[in-house]
Every structure is written in structure tokens, then in C-alpha cells.
């Protein structure tokens, strides 16, 4: 979908209005929920005082708990709807950015700004919160893409490229196009200092997660401790081999990883934090990249 600047602004404003309305509805629902929960607490207090659960209180608690569950489900739906609007705004802005770039208006970031942008992008990546029994989709946390998946224009990927010395390295890149006839991607190095464009076979491109996994609801969608992964080294745009040392405990936490570094006695540098979206399954290749 393409948007003119005016259309994009209108679409964003409409969603902002919807978010404002939803926030007010969520607050009303939360207030109603609190009232029900207070009644449940008071009823339990009375039962404790009387030392028994009479048929009256059994029916009353049953009704209160039914109401509380219904209220919670309604609040959940409102929150999910608000999050959906936020993600739609994110997609609209990204679409406009891609359109602008395709029109020849290439973005230019200073190094510090680029690092801040990458961090912000990781923090605002959509969070998958599954419902009971719901399966975690591909490209959520540690769940890989399907073998037939094709990354879309504007998606971030890890790309295996050769430098001037013919050494191979995994870099952070952005997808420009995919040619199904040749099974090759055209990607841009995200590093403004390089500004290199690469044409790569599909096996040399690994899509990054499109959603964060919630450790509290979907711990299975995270890499287990001790997993060998590729992780984006902090303040760089290159991926290196690392071992997961500590998992995220909440939806806003990073992984703690140990990067390979032969200058240390045990072969690993001190632990560093890396966001979920920059930690992916490792790919074996000739001439492994190592920190030096």
C-alpha cells in the first residue's frame, strides 16, 4: 500500500484518535474491574469472619468471578485493539520511509543517531502475547521463518557479505527487493559509513524477528540458556557468534550474551545485553567471524 505524505498524515491522525478513544475505554473498563475485584475481596473477608461458605456466598462468588473474567477479557480486547493501531502507525511511517528512499531521498544518520534508531526499533518491535493454546508464529522471538518465507522490502535482515579483503561477515542490512527468478535479494548495508549494496542468494540472508516474544506467556519462543547464536554486537552493525548467558525475564528485557573473544582465557568476553530482535539462530559458514 502506498501513501502520499498527506494520506499518510491523515491515516496516522485517524489512528491516534482511535487510540485516544481506546485508552479512555480501557480506563473505564479497568475501574469497573477494580470494583468487581474489591467486591470479591470483601466477600472472602466475610466468609473468613463467619468461618464457613454458605450457599448464598457460593452463588455470590460464582457470579463475581464470572463477571471478573468477562471484564478482564473485555479489557484485554481493548488493549489488543490499541496495540494494533500503534503497530499500524509504525507500518505507515515505515512505508513512507521506504517510498521516500525509493524516490532517491536516502536517509543520512550520524553514527550515534543510527545506534539510537536501532535501539528504539528493537524496543518498539511489536510484542506477541498469545492467548491460551495459541501457537507462537514464525519470526517471533527465536522462532525462525518458514523455509519459503521471503522478507519484504524494508525488513531488517542479517546478511552474509564479503568485505574488500574477501572476508565474510554477517552485517545488519535492509531488504530492497527479492528476485524470484534468481532467488536473490538486493539489500543495503544499514551502516551509513559503508553505504554498500549487495546482491545475495537467499541462503545468505536471515530475516530478523518481526515480533518480540513475551517471556511471561511464551518462554518456549526464546533461545534456551547456552544456545549458540548470532547477535548484533552493541554499538556496531555486525553480527558475531555468541552464547546465551541469561534470558529476558520480562517483555522489555534483553538477552545477556557472551561473545566469542580469544583474548580472554575462557574464550568469551564479559556478558553484554542484546535486544531480542538482534539475536538469531547461527548459520555455519567458512571463515567464521570473530571479535578481534
C-alpha atoms as a PDB file:
ATOM      1  CA  UNK A   1       0.000   0.000   0.000  1.00  0.00           C
ATOM      2  CA  UNK A   2       1.320   3.425  -0.986  1.00  0.00           C
ATOM      3  CA  UNK A   3       0.544   6.685   0.784  1.00  0.00           C
ATOM      4  CA  UNK A   4       1.179  10.263  -0.217  1.00  0.00           C
ATOM      5  CA  UNK A   5       2.527  12.452   2.576  1.00  0.00           C
ATOM      6  CA  UNK A   6      -0.966  13.907   3.080  1.00  0.00           C
ATOM      7  CA  UNK A   7      -2.649  10.495   3.074  1.00  0.00           C
ATOM      8  CA  UNK A   8      -0.108   9.116   5.497  1.00  0.00           C
ATOM      9  CA  UNK A   9      -0.604  12.054   7.868  1.00  0.00           C
ATOM     10  CA  UNK A  10      -4.386  11.582   7.706  1.00  0.00           C
ATOM     11  CA  UNK A  11      -4.107   7.817   8.330  1.00  0.00           C
ATOM     12  CA  UNK A  12      -1.838   8.406  11.317  1.00  0.00           C
ATOM     13  CA  UNK A  13      -4.158  11.059  12.777  1.00  0.00           C
ATOM     14  CA  UNK A  14      -7.164   8.755  12.448  1.00  0.00           C
ATOM     15  CA  UNK A  15      -5.358   6.016  14.324  1.00  0.00           C
ATOM     16  CA  UNK A  16      -4.183   8.433  17.011  1.00  0.00           C
ATOM     17  CA  UNK A  17      -7.807   9.450  17.547  1.00  0.00           C
ATOM     18  CA  UNK A  18      -8.783   5.796  17.819  1.00  0.00           C
ATOM     19  CA  UNK A  19      -6.004   5.175  20.337  1.00  0.00           C
ATOM     20  CA  UNK A  20      -7.179   8.121  22.460  1.00  0.00           C
ATOM     21  CA  UNK A  21     -10.724   6.724  22.478  1.00  0.00           C
ATOM     22  CA  UNK A  22      -9.471   3.231  23.326  1.00  0.00           C
ATOM     23  CA  UNK A  23      -7.321   4.492  26.195  1.00  0.00           C
ATOM     24  CA  UNK A  24     -10.404   6.117  27.772  1.00  0.00           C
ATOM     25  CA  UNK A  25     -12.400   2.904  27.283  1.00  0.00           C
ATOM     26  CA  UNK A  26      -9.596   0.844  28.819  1.00  0.00           C
ATOM     27  CA  UNK A  27      -9.526   3.129  31.863  1.00  0.00           C
ATOM     28  CA  UNK A  28     -13.312   2.816  32.301  1.00  0.00           C
ATOM     29  CA  UNK A  29     -13.078  -0.961  31.991  1.00  0.00           C
ATOM     30  CA  UNK A  30     -10.219  -1.086  34.493  1.00  0.00           C
ATOM     31  CA  UNK A  31     -12.217   0.960  37.012  1.00  0.00           C
ATOM     32  CA  UNK A  32     -15.159  -1.409  36.616  1.00  0.00           C
ATOM     33  CA  UNK A  33     -12.812  -4.394  37.041  1.00  0.00           C
ATOM     34  CA  UNK A  34     -11.378  -2.946  40.253  1.00  0.00           C
ATOM     35  CA  UNK A  35     -14.886  -2.559  41.669  1.00  0.00           C
ATOM     36  CA  UNK A  36     -15.621  -6.244  40.954  1.00  0.00           C
ATOM     37  CA  UNK A  37     -12.301  -7.359  42.450  1.00  0.00           C
ATOM     38  CA  UNK A  38     -12.963  -5.298  45.586  1.00  0.00           C
ATOM     39  CA  UNK A  39     -16.335  -6.998  45.961  1.00  0.00           C
ATOM     40  CA  UNK A  40     -14.636 -10.402  45.668  1.00  0.00           C
ATOM     41  CA  UNK A  41     -12.153  -9.443  48.396  1.00  0.00           C
ATOM     42  CA  UNK A  42     -14.929  -8.172  50.696  1.00  0.00           C
ATOM     43  CA  UNK A  43     -16.923 -11.367  50.168  1.00  0.00           C
ATOM     44  CA  UNK A  44     -13.923 -13.513  51.066  1.00  0.00           C
ATOM     45  CA  UNK A  45     -13.398 -11.401  54.195  1.00  0.00           C
ATOM     46  CA  UNK A  46     -16.987 -12.021  55.282  1.00  0.00           C
ATOM     47  CA  UNK A  47     -16.599 -15.767  54.652  1.00  0.00           C
ATOM     48  CA  UNK A  48     -13.453 -15.761  56.795  1.00  0.00           C
ATOM     49  CA  UNK A  49     -15.291 -13.978  59.597  1.00  0.00           C
ATOM     50  CA  UNK A  50     -18.180 -16.448  59.524  1.00  0.00           C
ATOM     51  CA  UNK A  51     -15.852 -19.431  59.206  1.00  0.00           C
ATOM     52  CA  UNK A  52     -17.895 -21.166  56.511  1.00  0.00           C
ATOM     53  CA  UNK A  53     -19.067 -20.807  52.906  1.00  0.00           C
ATOM     54  CA  UNK A  54     -22.843 -20.628  52.837  1.00  0.00           C
ATOM     55  CA  UNK A  55     -24.868 -21.385  49.648  1.00  0.00           C
ATOM     56  CA  UNK A  56     -25.526 -17.628  49.387  1.00  0.00           C
ATOM     57  CA  UNK A  57     -21.839 -16.759  49.325  1.00  0.00           C
ATOM     58  CA  UNK A  58     -21.106 -19.628  46.934  1.00  0.00           C
ATOM     59  CA  UNK A  59     -23.550 -18.176  44.409  1.00  0.00           C
ATOM     60  CA  UNK A  60     -22.343 -14.637  45.017  1.00  0.00           C
ATOM     61  CA  UNK A  61     -18.684 -15.574  44.462  1.00  0.00           C
ATOM     62  CA  UNK A  62     -19.566 -17.576  41.361  1.00  0.00           C
ATOM     63  CA  UNK A  63     -21.314 -14.552  39.882  1.00  0.00           C
ATOM     64  CA  UNK A  64     -18.497 -12.156  40.858  1.00  0.00           C
ATOM     65  CA  UNK A  65     -15.783 -14.382  39.391  1.00  0.00           C
ATOM     66  CA  UNK A  66     -17.767 -14.801  36.164  1.00  0.00           C
ATOM     67  CA  UNK A  67     -18.097 -11.020  35.924  1.00  0.00           C
ATOM     68  CA  UNK A  68     -14.394 -10.530  36.689  1.00  0.00           C
ATOM     69  CA  UNK A  69     -13.343 -12.934  33.920  1.00  0.00           C
ATOM     70  CA  UNK A  70     -15.677 -11.259  31.438  1.00  0.00           C
ATOM     71  CA  UNK A  71     -14.386  -7.805  32.416  1.00  0.00           C
ATOM     72  CA  UNK A  72     -10.776  -8.928  32.072  1.00  0.00           C
ATOM     73  CA  UNK A  73     -11.440 -10.375  28.619  1.00  0.00           C
ATOM     74  CA  UNK A  74     -13.065  -7.105  27.526  1.00  0.00           C
ATOM     75  CA  UNK A  75     -10.107  -5.098  28.843  1.00  0.00           C
ATOM     76  CA  UNK A  76      -7.714  -7.427  27.033  1.00  0.00           C
ATOM     77  CA  UNK A  77      -9.525  -6.940  23.719  1.00  0.00           C
ATOM     78  CA  UNK A  78      -9.415  -3.160  24.103  1.00  0.00           C
ATOM     79  CA  UNK A  79      -5.676  -3.246  24.853  1.00  0.00           C
ATOM     80  CA  UNK A  80      -5.035  -5.504  21.854  1.00  0.00           C
ATOM     81  CA  UNK A  81      -7.025  -3.143  19.643  1.00  0.00           C
ATOM     82  CA  UNK A  82      -4.979  -0.162  20.880  1.00  0.00           C
ATOM     83  CA  UNK A  83      -1.737  -2.053  20.211  1.00  0.00           C
ATOM     84  CA  UNK A  84      -2.983  -2.907  16.727  1.00  0.00           C
ATOM     85  CA  UNK A  85      -3.470   0.809  15.987  1.00  0.00           C
ATOM     86  CA  UNK A  86       0.041   1.570  17.269  1.00  0.00           C
ATOM     87  CA  UNK A  87       1.540  -1.103  15.003  1.00  0.00           C
ATOM     88  CA  UNK A  88      -0.462   0.259  12.054  1.00  0.00           C
ATOM     89  CA  UNK A  89       1.073   3.708  12.655  1.00  0.00           C
ATOM     90  CA  UNK A  90       4.508   2.095  12.742  1.00  0.00           C
ATOM     91  CA  UNK A  91       3.839   0.372   9.408  1.00  0.00           C
ATOM     92  CA  UNK A  92       2.517   3.542   7.765  1.00  0.00           C
ATOM     93  CA  UNK A  93       5.602   5.507   8.810  1.00  0.00           C
ATOM     94  CA  UNK A  94       7.876   2.724   7.594  1.00  0.00           C
ATOM     95  CA  UNK A  95       6.045   2.605   4.255  1.00  0.00           C
ATOM     96  CA  UNK A  96       6.537   6.338   3.821  1.00  0.00           C
ATOM     97  CA  UNK A  97      10.212   5.977   4.644  1.00  0.00           C
ATOM     98  CA  UNK A  98      10.623   3.269   2.019  1.00  0.00           C
ATOM     99  CA  UNK A  99       8.755   5.338  -0.580  1.00  0.00           C
ATOM    100  CA  UNK A 100      10.973   8.303   0.134  1.00  0.00           C
ATOM    101  CA  UNK A 101      14.102   6.192  -0.186  1.00  0.00           C
ATOM    102  CA  UNK A 102      12.910   4.676  -3.478  1.00  0.00           C
ATOM    103  CA  UNK A 103      12.340   8.202  -4.753  1.00  0.00           C
ATOM    104  CA  UNK A 104      16.033   8.910  -4.197  1.00  0.00           C
ATOM    105  CA  UNK A 105      15.799  10.599  -0.795  1.00  0.00           C
ATOM    106  CA  UNK A 106      18.282   8.402   1.053  1.00  0.00           C
ATOM    107  CA  UNK A 107      18.386   8.895   4.796  1.00  0.00           C
ATOM    108  CA  UNK A 108      21.606  10.007   6.393  1.00  0.00           C
ATOM    109  CA  UNK A 109      22.301   9.254  10.039  1.00  0.00           C
ATOM    110  CA  UNK A 110      25.225  10.165  12.185  1.00  0.00           C
ATOM    111  CA  UNK A 111      26.728   7.157  13.936  1.00  0.00           C
ATOM    112  CA  UNK A 112      25.195   7.989  17.311  1.00  0.00           C
ATOM    113  CA  UNK A 113      21.773   8.622  15.754  1.00  0.00           C
ATOM    114  CA  UNK A 114      21.923   5.304  13.888  1.00  0.00           C
ATOM    115  CA  UNK A 115      22.677   3.406  17.089  1.00  0.00           C
ATOM    116  CA  UNK A 116      19.787   5.174  18.855  1.00  0.00           C
ATOM    117  CA  UNK A 117      17.473   4.327  15.957  1.00  0.00           C
ATOM    118  CA  UNK A 118      18.416   0.647  16.101  1.00  0.00           C
ATOM    119  CA  UNK A 119      17.830   0.568  19.852  1.00  0.00           C
ATOM    120  CA  UNK A 120      14.471   2.336  19.522  1.00  0.00           C
ATOM    121  CA  UNK A 121      13.421  -0.034  16.741  1.00  0.00           C
ATOM    122  CA  UNK A 122      14.204  -3.007  18.973  1.00  0.00           C
ATOM    123  CA  UNK A 123      12.299  -1.575  21.941  1.00  0.00           C
ATOM    124  CA  UNK A 124       9.190  -0.796  19.888  1.00  0.00           C
ATOM    125  CA  UNK A 125       9.077  -4.067  17.957  1.00  0.00           C
ATOM    126  CA  UNK A 126       5.537  -5.469  18.290  1.00  0.00           C
ATOM    127  CA  UNK A 127       5.103  -7.783  21.271  1.00  0.00           C
ATOM    128  CA  UNK A 128       3.361 -11.121  20.728  1.00  0.00           C
ATOM    129  CA  UNK A 129       1.151 -12.042  23.668  1.00  0.00           C
ATOM    130  CA  UNK A 130      -0.515 -15.341  22.929  1.00  0.00           C
ATOM    131  CA  UNK A 131      -3.932 -16.405  24.083  1.00  0.00           C
ATOM    132  CA  UNK A 132      -4.294 -19.766  25.907  1.00  0.00           C
ATOM    133  CA  UNK A 133      -3.425 -22.572  23.486  1.00  0.00           C
ATOM    134  CA  UNK A 134      -2.349 -20.192  20.725  1.00  0.00           C
ATOM    135  CA  UNK A 135       0.800 -21.150  18.802  1.00  0.00           C
ATOM    136  CA  UNK A 136       3.684 -18.690  18.535  1.00  0.00           C
ATOM    137  CA  UNK A 137       4.034 -17.631  14.871  1.00  0.00           C
ATOM    138  CA  UNK A 138       7.242 -17.693  12.799  1.00  0.00           C
ATOM    139  CA  UNK A 139       9.619 -14.736  13.243  1.00  0.00           C
ATOM    140  CA  UNK A 140       8.515 -14.193  16.821  1.00  0.00           C
ATOM    141  CA  UNK A 141      11.486 -14.249  19.166  1.00  0.00           C
ATOM    142  CA  UNK A 142      13.597 -17.347  18.471  1.00  0.00           C
ATOM    143  CA  UNK A 143      11.022 -18.966  16.165  1.00  0.00           C
ATOM    144  CA  UNK A 144      12.596 -18.944  12.678  1.00  0.00           C
ATOM    145  CA  UNK A 145      10.903 -18.037   9.424  1.00  0.00           C
ATOM    146  CA  UNK A 146       9.394 -20.778   7.266  1.00  0.00           C
ATOM    147  CA  UNK A 147      11.780 -22.068   4.596  1.00  0.00           C
ATOM    148  CA  UNK A 148       9.627 -20.489   1.888  1.00  0.00           C
ATOM    149  CA  UNK A 149       9.426 -17.081   3.580  1.00  0.00           C
ATOM    150  CA  UNK A 150      10.549 -14.042   1.607  1.00  0.00           C
ATOM    151  CA  UNK A 151      11.487 -10.919   3.578  1.00  0.00           C
ATOM    152  CA  UNK A 152       9.630  -7.801   2.458  1.00  0.00           C
ATOM    153  CA  UNK A 153      11.023  -4.509   1.240  1.00  0.00           C
ATOM    154  CA  UNK A 154      12.177  -2.507   4.259  1.00  0.00           C
ATOM    155  CA  UNK A 155      12.619  -5.557   6.510  1.00  0.00           C
ATOM    156  CA  UNK A 156      15.817  -5.860   8.528  1.00  0.00           C
ATOM    157  CA  UNK A 157      17.959  -8.941   7.947  1.00  0.00           C
ATOM    158  CA  UNK A 158      21.346 -10.390   8.783  1.00  0.00           C
ATOM    159  CA  UNK A 159      23.293 -10.637   5.525  1.00  0.00           C
ATOM    160  CA  UNK A 160      26.481 -12.583   4.871  1.00  0.00           C
ATOM    161  CA  UNK A 161      28.718 -10.356   2.733  1.00  0.00           C
ATOM    162  CA  UNK A 162      32.354 -10.150   1.676  1.00  0.00           C
ATOM    163  CA  UNK A 163      34.479  -7.133   2.518  1.00  0.00           C
ATOM    164  CA  UNK A 164      37.321  -5.623   0.496  1.00  0.00           C
ATOM    165  CA  UNK A 165      39.647  -8.374   1.764  1.00  0.00           C
ATOM    166  CA  UNK A 166      37.197 -11.090   0.633  1.00  0.00           C
ATOM    167  CA  UNK A 167      36.451 -11.948   4.259  1.00  0.00           C
ATOM    168  CA  UNK A 168      32.864 -12.912   5.071  1.00  0.00           C
ATOM    169  CA  UNK A 169      30.912 -11.142   7.782  1.00  0.00           C
ATOM    170  CA  UNK A 170      27.306 -11.023   8.922  1.00  0.00           C
ATOM    171  CA  UNK A 171      26.003  -7.454   8.755  1.00  0.00           C
ATOM    172  CA  UNK A 172      22.715  -5.726   9.556  1.00  0.00           C
ATOM    173  CA  UNK A 173      21.015  -4.843   6.283  1.00  0.00           C
ATOM    174  CA  UNK A 174      17.694  -3.684   4.880  1.00  0.00           C
ATOM    175  CA  UNK A 175      15.864  -5.525   2.097  1.00  0.00           C
ATOM    176  CA  UNK A 176      15.354  -3.619  -1.147  1.00  0.00           C
ATOM    177  CA  UNK A 177      13.991  -6.312  -3.460  1.00  0.00           C
ATOM    178  CA  UNK A 178      13.801 -10.054  -3.984  1.00  0.00           C
ATOM    179  CA  UNK A 179      14.075 -11.595  -7.443  1.00  0.00           C
ATOM    180  CA  UNK A 180      12.219 -14.945  -7.517  1.00  0.00           C
ATOM    181  CA  UNK A 181      13.795 -15.803 -10.891  1.00  0.00           C
ATOM    182  CA  UNK A 182      17.320 -15.743  -9.455  1.00  0.00           C
ATOM    183  CA  UNK A 183      16.310 -16.458  -5.831  1.00  0.00           C
ATOM    184  CA  UNK A 184      18.410 -13.477  -4.773  1.00  0.00           C
ATOM    185  CA  UNK A 185      17.913 -10.456  -2.538  1.00  0.00           C
ATOM    186  CA  UNK A 186      19.193  -6.959  -3.073  1.00  0.00           C
ATOM    187  CA  UNK A 187      19.992  -5.412   0.304  1.00  0.00           C
ATOM    188  CA  UNK A 188      21.503  -2.196   1.646  1.00  0.00           C
ATOM    189  CA  UNK A 189      24.106  -2.166   4.401  1.00  0.00           C
ATOM    190  CA  UNK A 190      22.440  -0.279   7.271  1.00  0.00           C
ATOM    191  CA  UNK A 191      25.792   1.303   8.173  1.00  0.00           C
ATOM    192  CA  UNK A 192      25.899   4.814   6.709  1.00  0.00           C
ATOM    193  CA  UNK A 193      29.693   4.727   6.645  1.00  0.00           C
ATOM    194  CA  UNK A 194      29.596   1.775   4.247  1.00  0.00           C
ATOM    195  CA  UNK A 195      26.521   2.567   2.127  1.00  0.00           C
ATOM    196  CA  UNK A 196      27.140  -0.682   0.255  1.00  0.00           C
ATOM    197  CA  UNK A 197      24.506  -2.516  -1.752  1.00  0.00           C
ATOM    198  CA  UNK A 198      24.704  -6.289  -2.089  1.00  0.00           C
ATOM    199  CA  UNK A 199      23.033  -8.907  -4.258  1.00  0.00           C
ATOM    200  CA  UNK A 200      22.866 -12.118  -2.242  1.00  0.00           C
ATOM    201  CA  UNK A 201      21.407 -15.586  -2.555  1.00  0.00           C
ATOM    202  CA  UNK A 202      18.536 -16.422  -0.229  1.00  0.00           C
ATOM    203  CA  UNK A 203      20.756 -18.684   1.914  1.00  0.00           C
ATOM    204  CA  UNK A 204      22.964 -15.686   2.749  1.00  0.00           C
ATOM    205  CA  UNK A 205      20.078 -13.702   4.210  1.00  0.00           C
ATOM    206  CA  UNK A 206      18.441 -14.370   7.588  1.00  0.00           C
ATOM    207  CA  UNK A 207      15.242 -12.405   8.354  1.00  0.00           C
ATOM    208  CA  UNK A 208      15.219 -10.785  11.789  1.00  0.00           C
ATOM    209  CA  UNK A 209      12.260 -11.314  14.149  1.00  0.00           C
ATOM    210  CA  UNK A 210       9.175  -9.244  13.368  1.00  0.00           C
ATOM    211  CA  UNK A 211       7.808  -9.617  16.897  1.00  0.00           C
ATOM    212  CA  UNK A 212       9.203  -9.896  20.404  1.00  0.00           C
ATOM    213  CA  UNK A 213       8.313 -12.963  22.446  1.00  0.00           C
ATOM    214  CA  UNK A 214       6.798 -12.413  25.872  1.00  0.00           C
ATOM    215  CA  UNK A 215       8.829 -14.432  28.435  1.00  0.00           C
ATOM    216  CA  UNK A 216       5.837 -14.497  30.793  1.00  0.00           C
ATOM    217  CA  UNK A 217       3.433 -16.125  28.307  1.00  0.00           C
ATOM    218  CA  UNK A 218       5.692 -17.757  25.692  1.00  0.00           C
ATOM    219  CA  UNK A 219       9.039 -18.737  27.249  1.00  0.00           C
ATOM    220  CA  UNK A 220       9.402 -21.504  24.638  1.00  0.00           C
ATOM    221  CA  UNK A 221       9.815 -18.784  21.968  1.00  0.00           C
ATOM    222  CA  UNK A 222      13.153 -17.742  23.497  1.00  0.00           C
ATOM    223  CA  UNK A 223      16.584 -19.274  22.944  1.00  0.00           C
ATOM    224  CA  UNK A 224      17.487 -21.533  25.900  1.00  0.00           C
ATOM    225  CA  UNK A 225      20.458 -20.653  28.068  1.00  0.00           C
ATOM    226  CA  UNK A 226      23.644 -21.987  26.484  1.00  0.00           C
ATOM    227  CA  UNK A 227      22.326 -21.689  22.920  1.00  0.00           C
ATOM    228  CA  UNK A 228      24.891 -20.721  20.284  1.00  0.00           C
ATOM    229  CA  UNK A 229      23.501 -17.753  18.374  1.00  0.00           C
ATOM    230  CA  UNK A 230      24.421 -14.795  16.210  1.00  0.00           C
ATOM    231  CA  UNK A 231      23.984 -11.487  17.999  1.00  0.00           C
ATOM    232  CA  UNK A 232      24.457  -7.878  16.975  1.00  0.00           C
ATOM    233  CA  UNK A 233      27.465  -6.574  18.876  1.00  0.00           C
ATOM    234  CA  UNK A 234      26.435  -3.409  20.802  1.00  0.00           C
ATOM    235  CA  UNK A 235      27.238  -0.101  19.074  1.00  0.00           C
ATOM    236  CA  UNK A 236      28.043  -1.898  15.802  1.00  0.00           C
ATOM    237  CA  UNK A 237      26.096  -3.178  12.792  1.00  0.00           C
ATOM    238  CA  UNK A 238      27.764  -6.604  12.668  1.00  0.00           C
ATOM    239  CA  UNK A 239      26.633  -9.983  13.991  1.00  0.00           C
ATOM    240  CA  UNK A 240      29.024 -12.286  15.796  1.00  0.00           C
ATOM    241  CA  UNK A 241      28.866 -15.743  17.294  1.00  0.00           C
ATOM    242  CA  UNK A 242      27.754 -15.701  20.933  1.00  0.00           C
ATOM    243  CA  UNK A 243      26.314 -17.906  23.671  1.00  0.00           C
ATOM    244  CA  UNK A 244      23.106 -17.059  25.528  1.00  0.00           C
ATOM    245  CA  UNK A 245      24.028 -16.465  29.167  1.00  0.00           C
ATOM    246  CA  UNK A 246      20.735 -15.138  30.526  1.00  0.00           C
ATOM    247  CA  UNK A 247      17.231 -14.974  29.089  1.00  0.00           C
ATOM    248  CA  UNK A 248      14.883 -11.971  29.140  1.00  0.00           C
ATOM    249  CA  UNK A 249      12.659 -12.126  32.222  1.00  0.00           C
ATOM    250  CA  UNK A 250      10.089  -9.557  31.069  1.00  0.00           C
ATOM    251  CA  UNK A 251       8.879  -8.269  27.706  1.00  0.00           C
ATOM    252  CA  UNK A 252      11.218  -5.268  27.911  1.00  0.00           C
ATOM    253  CA  UNK A 253      14.377  -7.185  28.866  1.00  0.00           C
ATOM    254  CA  UNK A 254      17.288  -8.037  26.560  1.00  0.00           C
ATOM    255  CA  UNK A 255      19.255 -11.245  26.294  1.00  0.00           C
ATOM    256  CA  UNK A 256      22.559 -11.357  28.112  1.00  0.00           C
ATOM    257  CA  UNK A 257      25.102 -12.980  25.788  1.00  0.00           C
ATOM    258  CA  UNK A 258      28.771 -13.935  25.797  1.00  0.00           C
ATOM    259  CA  UNK A 259      30.596 -13.068  22.573  1.00  0.00           C
ATOM    260  CA  UNK A 260      33.495 -15.192  21.388  1.00  0.00           C
ATOM    261  CA  UNK A 261      36.793 -13.449  22.093  1.00  0.00           C
ATOM    262  CA  UNK A 262      40.056 -15.358  22.137  1.00  0.00           C
ATOM    263  CA  UNK A 263      41.821 -12.596  24.086  1.00  0.00           C
ATOM    264  CA  UNK A 264      40.054 -13.906  27.212  1.00  0.00           C
ATOM    265  CA  UNK A 265      41.168 -17.065  28.983  1.00  0.00           C
ATOM    266  CA  UNK A 266      37.815 -18.838  28.603  1.00  0.00           C
ATOM    267  CA  UNK A 267      37.345 -17.653  25.015  1.00  0.00           C
ATOM    268  CA  UNK A 268      34.448 -15.321  25.805  1.00  0.00           C
ATOM    269  CA  UNK A 269      34.174 -11.595  26.525  1.00  0.00           C
ATOM    270  CA  UNK A 270      32.246 -10.337  29.602  1.00  0.00           C
ATOM    271  CA  UNK A 271      28.436 -10.505  29.208  1.00  0.00           C
ATOM    272  CA  UNK A 272      26.643  -7.857  27.158  1.00  0.00           C
ATOM    273  CA  UNK A 273      22.944  -7.132  26.606  1.00  0.00           C
ATOM    274  CA  UNK A 274      21.425  -7.560  23.147  1.00  0.00           C
ATOM    275  CA  UNK A 275      17.776  -6.975  22.200  1.00  0.00           C
ATOM    276  CA  UNK A 276      15.615  -9.917  21.131  1.00  0.00           C
ATOM    277  CA  UNK A 277      15.331  -8.788  17.521  1.00  0.00           C
ATOM    278  CA  UNK A 278      19.113  -8.830  17.098  1.00  0.00           C
ATOM    279  CA  UNK A 279      19.622 -12.396  18.369  1.00  0.00           C
ATOM    280  CA  UNK A 280      19.112 -15.115  15.760  1.00  0.00           C
ATOM    281  CA  UNK A 281      19.983 -18.747  15.072  1.00  0.00           C
ATOM    282  CA  UNK A 282      23.589 -19.143  13.956  1.00  0.00           C
ATOM    283  CA  UNK A 283      24.482 -20.124  10.419  1.00  0.00           C
ATOM    284  CA  UNK A 284      27.577 -22.180   9.751  1.00  0.00           C
ATOM    285  CA  UNK A 285      29.939 -20.807   7.132  1.00  0.00           C
ATOM    286  CA  UNK A 286      33.541 -20.943   6.077  1.00  0.00           C
ATOM    287  CA  UNK A 287      35.812 -18.387   7.716  1.00  0.00           C
ATOM    288  CA  UNK A 288      33.845 -17.695  10.895  1.00  0.00           C
ATOM    289  CA  UNK A 289      33.658 -14.084  12.009  1.00  0.00           C
ATOM    290  CA  UNK A 290      35.221 -13.465  15.399  1.00  0.00           C
ATOM    291  CA  UNK A 291      35.781 -10.391  17.511  1.00  0.00           C
ATOM    292  CA  UNK A 292      39.303  -9.103  17.372  1.00  0.00           C
END
